[in-house]
Amino acid sequence: MKKIESIGVITTGGDAPGMNTAIRAVVRTGIYYGMRVFGIFRGWRGLVENHIFQMDLASVGNILNRGGTILHTARYPEFKQKRQKDIAMKNLKEKGIQGLVVIGGDGSLRASAALYNEYKLPIVNVPASIDNDIPGTDYTIGYDTAVNTAVEAIDKIRDTATSHERLFIVQVMGRGSGSIAIDVGLVSGAEGVIVPEYKFDLDKLAKSLLDGKKRGKRSFIIVVAEGAGSGQDIGEKLAHKTGLDVRVSVLGHMQRGGSPSALSREYACKLGCHAVELLKDGKGGRMVGIKSDHYTSTPIAKVLTMKKKIDTESYRISHILSI
C-alpha cells in the first residue's frame, strides 16, 4: 500500500461519550505525522452528500471533554446500496482522501467491511458504543461514562426509594446486551439485575424481595436492561406478586450524553492514535481495541464473525451481593 498522506474521520451510528475525544486524537495524530485530515459531517449520509471539510488543530480545540460528536451522526441504511457507496468513493477520491478512520458501533463495522472489500479503501474502525457490545475489544468508547451516568442516577433514586419505602424498577439501555445493567446493578447495590442473556424467574425475585422485607429492608432497586423486557411490565408484575409500592424509572438517552469519564477519554485518545498509526503503517481493514489492558487490532472480517460475551462473573457476584 502506498504511503497515506491524507485521511478522513467519520462518526456513525449512535453517539457515545468520548467520540469527540477520539476525533481529536485522530486529527492531532494525523497532523503530527504530516497528514492532511478531513472531517465528514453526518456519518455515511454526509459522505455521500459530500459534506467533507479539512480539519486543523483549531478544529478540535476544547472538545476533549464534550459529549456527543462535533461531526454529528445520522442513520443511513441506504448506504448498503452500491450506488451510494460508489458516490462516497468518488467524493473521497476528489478530496484526495486515501484512508478512513470510522468511529462507531457494529453497523459501522459492516459498512466499513464493504468499503474495504469492494473498493480496497484503507480503513480502520474505532469501537464506540455505550452498550459495550462489540467483539474484539474488552471495552468500547462511551461505555464507562454510560455506566457512571446510570449509577449516579440510581444513587439519587435510592434516596427517594428509602424515604418512601418503595421498590424502584430502573430501566437502563441495552437492547441486545446486558453489560450496562450488570455493571450498574453490581456497583449500585441493586437487589436484582434482569438482562436479555439470562432467563429470569420473577417468582424467585419476588420471594427474595419479601424475604428482605421480613428482615427489615424498606427499599429495593431492580435494574433492567431494555432488551430484557419493559420495566413497566416487570414493575406491575412484581407489585402484584409482592404488594410493594412500585415505581418505574426509565433512564433512556441521558446515558448517551454528558462529559466523557476519564476512562472513556483515555480509551478514545489511545484508540484514535492507534488507528491513525495503523493507516500510516499500511494496515487497513482492521478494528482497534483493548484486550487485557493492551491496545490491539483485529481484522474487521474476523470481528464480524465473533460474538461479544457479557461479564458472567460480575453477574454472578451481583446476585450474591443482592441478598
Protein backbone atom coordinates (compact mmCIF):
# COMPACT_ATOMS: atom_id res chain seq x y z
CA MET A 1 0.00 0.00 0.00
CA LYS A 2 1.38 3.41 -0.93
CA LYS A 3 2.12 6.00 1.71
CA ILE A 4 -1.04 7.62 3.05
CA GLU A 5 -0.82 11.40 3.11
CA SER A 6 -4.50 12.25 3.59
CA ILE A 7 -7.15 10.64 5.80
CA GLY A 8 -10.79 11.19 6.69
CA VAL A 9 -12.54 10.75 10.04
CA ILE A 10 -16.23 9.97 10.42
CA THR A 11 -18.63 9.14 13.28
CA THR A 12 -21.51 6.80 12.53
CA GLY A 13 -24.40 5.11 14.32
CA GLY A 14 -25.46 6.06 17.84
CA ASP A 15 -23.42 8.72 19.61
CA ALA A 16 -21.28 7.82 22.62
CA PRO A 17 -19.41 9.99 25.15
CA GLY A 18 -15.78 10.09 24.06
CA MET A 19 -16.39 10.32 20.31
CA ASN A 20 -15.14 13.91 20.33
CA THR A 21 -12.05 12.81 22.25
CA ALA A 22 -11.40 10.18 19.57
CA ILE A 23 -11.89 12.73 16.77
CA ARG A 24 -9.35 14.99 18.46
CA ALA A 25 -6.87 12.11 18.75
CA VAL A 26 -7.27 11.21 15.07
CA VAL A 27 -6.83 14.80 13.87
CA ARG A 28 -3.85 15.56 16.09
CA THR A 29 -2.12 12.25 15.35
CA GLY A 30 -2.65 12.67 11.63
CA ILE A 31 -1.22 16.19 11.67
CA TYR A 32 1.69 15.02 13.86
CA TYR A 33 2.63 12.54 11.12
CA GLY A 34 2.32 15.18 8.38
CA MET A 35 -1.06 14.06 7.01
CA ARG A 36 -3.98 16.16 5.87
CA VAL A 37 -7.09 15.25 7.86
CA PHE A 38 -10.66 15.71 6.65
CA GLY A 39 -13.82 15.58 8.75
CA ILE A 40 -17.03 14.11 7.35
CA PHE A 41 -20.32 15.50 8.65
CA ARG A 42 -23.38 13.35 9.49
CA GLY A 43 -21.91 9.89 9.04
CA TRP A 44 -22.33 7.89 5.83
CA ARG A 45 -25.03 10.29 4.66
CA GLY A 46 -22.57 13.16 4.79
CA LEU A 47 -20.00 11.12 2.91
CA VAL A 48 -22.48 10.52 0.08
CA GLU A 49 -23.70 14.13 0.12
CA ASN A 50 -20.09 15.37 0.12
CA HIS A 51 -20.17 17.19 3.46
CA ILE A 52 -16.40 16.94 3.79
CA PHE A 53 -14.01 19.62 5.08
CA GLN A 54 -10.36 19.83 6.01
CA MET A 55 -9.60 19.96 9.72
CA ASP A 56 -6.70 21.54 11.58
CA LEU A 57 -5.61 21.74 15.20
CA ALA A 58 -8.07 24.56 15.88
CA SER A 59 -10.91 22.35 14.60
CA VAL A 60 -10.55 20.10 17.64
CA GLY A 61 -9.81 22.69 20.28
CA ASN A 62 -11.73 22.35 23.56
CA ILE A 63 -13.69 19.24 22.52
CA LEU A 64 -11.89 16.59 24.59
CA ASN A 65 -14.40 16.91 27.44
CA ARG A 66 -17.54 17.41 25.33
CA GLY A 67 -20.15 14.70 24.89
CA GLY A 68 -21.72 13.80 21.56
CA THR A 69 -19.83 14.32 18.30
CA ILE A 70 -18.93 17.58 16.60
CA LEU A 71 -19.08 15.73 13.27
CA HIS A 72 -22.66 14.66 14.02
CA THR A 73 -24.07 11.28 13.05
CA ALA A 74 -27.13 10.02 11.20
CA ARG A 75 -28.73 6.67 10.44
CA TYR A 76 -28.35 5.94 6.74
CA PRO A 77 -29.49 2.42 5.73
CA GLU A 78 -29.28 3.46 2.06
CA PHE A 79 -25.52 3.13 2.33
CA LYS A 80 -25.94 -0.61 1.75
CA GLN A 81 -26.71 0.18 -1.89
CA LYS A 82 -23.78 0.00 -4.31
CA ARG A 83 -24.75 3.27 -5.97
CA GLN A 84 -24.42 5.12 -2.65
CA LYS A 85 -21.04 3.56 -1.95
CA ASP A 86 -19.86 4.45 -5.46
CA ILE A 87 -20.76 8.10 -4.84
CA ALA A 88 -18.99 8.02 -1.47
CA MET A 89 -15.80 6.66 -3.02
CA LYS A 90 -15.95 9.28 -5.78
CA ASN A 91 -16.20 12.04 -3.16
CA LEU A 92 -13.23 10.64 -1.23
CA LYS A 93 -11.15 10.44 -4.40
CA GLU A 94 -11.97 14.02 -5.39
CA LYS A 95 -10.77 15.24 -1.99
CA GLY A 96 -7.64 13.12 -2.23
CA ILE A 97 -8.56 11.10 0.87
CA GLN A 98 -6.59 7.85 0.86
CA GLY A 99 -7.70 6.26 4.13
CA LEU A 100 -10.56 6.46 6.61
CA VAL A 101 -10.96 6.22 10.39
CA VAL A 102 -14.52 5.21 11.32
CA ILE A 103 -15.68 5.82 14.90
CA GLY A 104 -18.86 3.90 15.70
CA GLY A 105 -20.59 0.65 16.57
CA ASP A 106 -21.42 -2.69 14.96
CA GLY A 107 -23.25 -1.19 11.98
CA SER A 108 -20.15 0.88 11.24
CA LEU A 109 -18.11 -2.32 11.05
CA ARG A 110 -20.35 -3.85 8.40
CA ALA A 111 -20.26 -0.72 6.23
CA SER A 112 -16.50 -0.43 6.68
CA ALA A 113 -16.01 -4.06 5.67
CA ALA A 114 -17.92 -3.38 2.44
CA LEU A 115 -15.74 -0.37 1.57
CA TYR A 116 -12.57 -2.26 2.37
CA ASN A 117 -13.53 -5.44 0.50
CA GLU A 118 -15.22 -3.88 -2.52
CA TYR A 119 -13.05 -0.81 -3.06
CA LYS A 120 -9.82 -1.69 -1.19
CA LEU A 121 -10.11 1.54 0.79
CA PRO A 122 -7.63 1.51 3.70
CA ILE A 123 -9.93 1.78 6.69
CA VAL A 124 -9.62 1.36 10.47
CA ASN A 125 -12.53 1.25 12.92
CA VAL A 126 -12.56 2.69 16.43
CA PRO A 127 -15.25 0.96 18.57
CA ALA A 128 -17.62 3.45 20.20
CA SER A 129 -20.82 2.21 21.82
CA ILE A 130 -22.35 2.74 25.23
CA ASP A 131 -23.58 -0.89 25.18
CA ASN A 132 -20.08 -2.41 25.10
CA ASP A 133 -21.47 -4.93 22.62
CA ILE A 134 -18.64 -5.02 20.06
CA PRO A 135 -16.43 -8.14 20.00
CA GLY A 136 -12.68 -7.85 19.58
CA THR A 137 -12.32 -5.39 22.45
CA ASP A 138 -12.90 -5.58 26.20
CA TYR A 139 -14.31 -2.06 26.31
CA THR A 140 -15.81 0.43 23.88
CA ILE A 141 -15.58 4.21 23.98
CA GLY A 142 -18.51 5.61 25.97
CA TYR A 143 -19.35 2.51 27.98
CA ASP A 144 -17.69 3.61 31.22
CA THR A 145 -19.39 7.01 31.00
CA ALA A 146 -22.81 5.45 30.44
CA VAL A 147 -22.34 3.18 33.46
CA ASN A 148 -21.29 6.12 35.64
CA THR A 149 -24.26 8.18 34.46
CA ALA A 150 -26.68 5.38 35.35
CA VAL A 151 -25.03 4.76 38.74
CA GLU A 152 -25.27 8.46 39.62
CA ALA A 153 -28.97 8.43 38.74
CA ILE A 154 -29.63 5.27 40.76
CA ASP A 155 -27.81 6.67 43.80
CA LYS A 156 -30.31 9.54 43.74
CA ILE A 157 -33.24 7.22 43.14
CA ARG A 158 -32.11 5.14 46.13
CA ASP A 159 -32.57 8.19 48.38
CA THR A 160 -36.19 8.51 47.24
CA ALA A 161 -36.79 4.77 47.45
CA THR A 162 -35.53 4.74 51.05
CA SER A 163 -37.53 7.82 52.06
CA HIS A 164 -40.81 6.40 50.71
CA GLU A 165 -40.09 2.69 51.35
CA ARG A 166 -40.57 1.73 47.73
CA LEU A 167 -39.36 -0.72 45.11
CA PHE A 168 -37.91 1.08 42.11
CA ILE A 169 -37.53 -0.59 38.74
CA VAL A 170 -34.77 1.25 36.86
CA GLN A 171 -34.59 0.53 33.13
CA VAL A 172 -31.22 1.16 31.52
CA MET A 173 -30.16 0.98 27.89
CA GLY A 174 -29.02 -2.26 26.27
CA ARG A 175 -31.25 -3.78 23.60
CA GLY A 176 -29.06 -6.76 22.81
CA SER A 177 -26.61 -6.63 25.69
CA GLY A 178 -27.00 -6.59 29.44
CA SER A 179 -23.50 -5.23 30.12
CA ILE A 180 -24.65 -1.83 31.37
CA ALA A 181 -27.31 -3.38 33.62
CA ILE A 182 -24.86 -5.89 35.11
CA ASP A 183 -22.16 -3.38 35.99
CA VAL A 184 -24.66 -0.78 37.16
CA GLY A 185 -26.52 -3.33 39.27
CA LEU A 186 -23.30 -4.55 40.85
CA VAL A 187 -21.85 -1.18 41.86
CA SER A 188 -25.16 0.42 42.87
CA GLY A 189 -26.11 -2.41 45.22
CA ALA A 190 -29.25 -3.40 43.33
CA GLU A 191 -31.42 -6.17 44.74
CA GLY A 192 -31.86 -7.66 41.27
CA VAL A 193 -30.49 -7.42 37.74
CA ILE A 194 -32.51 -8.52 34.70
CA VAL A 195 -30.70 -8.91 31.37
CA PRO A 196 -31.59 -10.44 27.99
CA GLU A 197 -28.80 -13.05 28.19
CA TYR A 198 -30.34 -14.87 31.18
CA LYS A 199 -33.83 -16.16 31.78
CA PHE A 200 -35.13 -14.56 34.94
CA ASP A 201 -37.53 -16.05 37.48
CA LEU A 202 -39.82 -13.24 38.72
CA ASP A 203 -41.38 -15.53 41.34
CA LYS A 204 -37.94 -16.20 42.81
CA LEU A 205 -37.13 -12.48 42.73
CA ALA A 206 -40.43 -11.62 44.40
CA LYS A 207 -39.70 -14.12 47.19
CA SER A 208 -36.24 -12.61 47.67
CA LEU A 209 -37.77 -9.13 47.98
CA LEU A 210 -40.33 -10.32 50.51
CA ASP A 211 -37.61 -12.11 52.49
CA GLY A 212 -35.70 -8.84 52.56
CA LYS A 213 -38.77 -7.04 53.79
CA LYS A 214 -39.14 -9.56 56.64
CA ARG A 215 -35.55 -8.82 57.64
CA GLY A 216 -36.40 -5.15 57.89
CA LYS A 217 -35.48 -3.82 54.43
CA ARG A 218 -37.72 -0.99 53.37
CA SER A 219 -36.47 -0.09 49.90
CA PHE A 220 -35.31 -2.02 46.84
CA ILE A 221 -33.77 -1.35 43.41
CA ILE A 222 -34.11 -3.66 40.42
CA VAL A 223 -32.04 -2.83 37.32
CA VAL A 224 -33.50 -3.95 33.98
CA ALA A 225 -31.77 -3.87 30.59
CA GLU A 226 -34.25 -2.63 27.98
CA GLY A 227 -33.67 -5.73 25.87
CA ALA A 228 -34.88 -7.97 28.71
CA GLY A 229 -38.38 -6.51 28.73
CA SER A 230 -40.40 -3.47 29.67
CA GLY A 231 -39.58 -2.02 33.07
CA GLN A 232 -43.22 -1.02 33.37
CA ASP A 233 -44.45 -4.57 32.78
CA ILE A 234 -41.93 -6.04 35.19
CA GLY A 235 -42.86 -3.44 37.80
CA GLU A 236 -46.57 -4.25 37.52
CA LYS A 237 -45.91 -7.97 37.89
CA LEU A 238 -43.69 -7.50 40.93
CA ALA A 239 -46.21 -5.16 42.53
CA HIS A 240 -48.86 -7.86 42.11
CA LYS A 241 -46.61 -10.62 43.47
CA THR A 242 -45.19 -8.67 46.44
CA GLY A 243 -47.71 -5.96 47.35
CA LEU A 244 -44.82 -3.49 47.44
CA ASP A 245 -45.22 0.15 46.41
CA VAL A 246 -43.52 0.13 42.99
CA ARG A 247 -42.24 2.96 40.82
CA VAL A 248 -40.54 2.72 37.43
CA SER A 249 -37.79 4.99 36.13
CA VAL A 250 -36.57 4.75 32.52
CA LEU A 251 -33.17 6.43 32.22
CA GLY A 252 -33.20 6.39 28.43
CA HIS A 253 -30.96 8.58 26.29
CA MET A 254 -29.48 10.52 29.20
CA GLN A 255 -26.95 7.65 29.28
CA ARG A 256 -25.62 8.70 25.87
CA GLY A 257 -24.89 12.27 26.86
CA GLY A 258 -22.60 14.14 29.19
CA SER A 259 -18.91 14.73 29.50
CA PRO A 260 -16.90 11.51 28.98
CA SER A 261 -15.34 9.93 32.06
CA ALA A 262 -11.56 9.81 32.47
CA LEU A 263 -11.55 6.16 31.35
CA SER A 264 -13.65 6.86 28.24
CA ARG A 265 -11.28 9.72 27.38
CA GLU A 266 -8.22 7.53 27.89
CA TYR A 267 -9.58 4.80 25.61
CA ALA A 268 -10.57 7.36 22.98
CA CYS A 269 -7.16 9.06 23.00
CA LYS A 270 -5.24 5.82 22.66
CA LEU A 271 -7.54 4.08 20.19
CA GLY A 272 -7.77 7.16 17.96
CA CYS A 273 -3.99 7.48 17.87
CA HIS A 274 -3.53 3.75 17.27
CA ALA A 275 -6.00 3.83 14.36
CA VAL A 276 -4.05 6.56 12.53
CA GLU A 277 -0.74 4.78 13.13
CA LEU A 278 -2.13 1.59 11.59
CA LEU A 279 -3.06 3.52 8.44
CA LYS A 280 0.36 5.17 8.43
CA ASP A 281 1.96 1.72 8.56
CA GLY A 282 -0.16 0.45 5.68
CA LYS A 283 -2.54 -1.67 7.75
CA GLY A 284 -6.21 -1.33 6.79
CA GLY A 285 -9.34 -3.40 7.22
CA ARG A 286 -8.85 -3.60 10.98
CA MET A 287 -10.55 -2.53 14.22
CA VAL A 288 -8.50 -1.25 17.13
CA GLY A 289 -9.39 -2.49 20.58
CA ILE A 290 -8.39 -3.11 24.19
CA LYS A 291 -7.53 -6.63 25.38
CA SER A 292 -6.35 -7.16 28.97
CA ASP A 293 -5.17 -3.53 29.13
CA HIS A 294 -3.19 -3.88 25.89
CA TYR A 295 -4.13 -1.98 22.73
CA THR A 296 -4.59 -4.34 19.81
CA SER A 297 -6.12 -4.57 16.35
CA THR A 298 -8.25 -7.28 14.76
CA PRO A 299 -9.28 -7.76 11.12
CA ILE A 300 -12.80 -6.37 10.64
CA ALA A 301 -13.81 -9.58 8.84
CA LYS A 302 -12.90 -11.59 11.95
CA VAL A 303 -14.70 -9.19 14.31
CA LEU A 304 -17.89 -9.65 12.28
CA THR A 305 -17.79 -13.42 12.88
CA MET A 306 -17.35 -13.06 16.64
CA LYS A 307 -19.92 -12.68 19.41
CA LYS A 308 -19.35 -10.44 22.43
CA LYS A 309 -19.82 -12.21 25.75
CA ILE A 310 -21.11 -10.43 28.81
CA ASP A 311 -19.20 -10.45 32.10
CA THR A 312 -20.66 -13.55 33.73
CA GLU A 313 -18.52 -13.13 36.84
CA SER A 314 -19.92 -9.66 37.55
CA TYR A 315 -23.43 -11.03 37.05
CA ARG A 316 -22.73 -13.91 39.47
CA ILE A 317 -21.30 -11.61 42.12
CA SER A 318 -24.13 -9.10 41.77
CA HIS A 319 -26.55 -11.94 42.56
CA ILE A 320 -24.56 -13.00 45.63
CA LEU A 321 -24.38 -9.45 46.97
CA SER A 322 -28.07 -8.72 46.34
CA ILE A 323 -29.35 -10.70 49.35
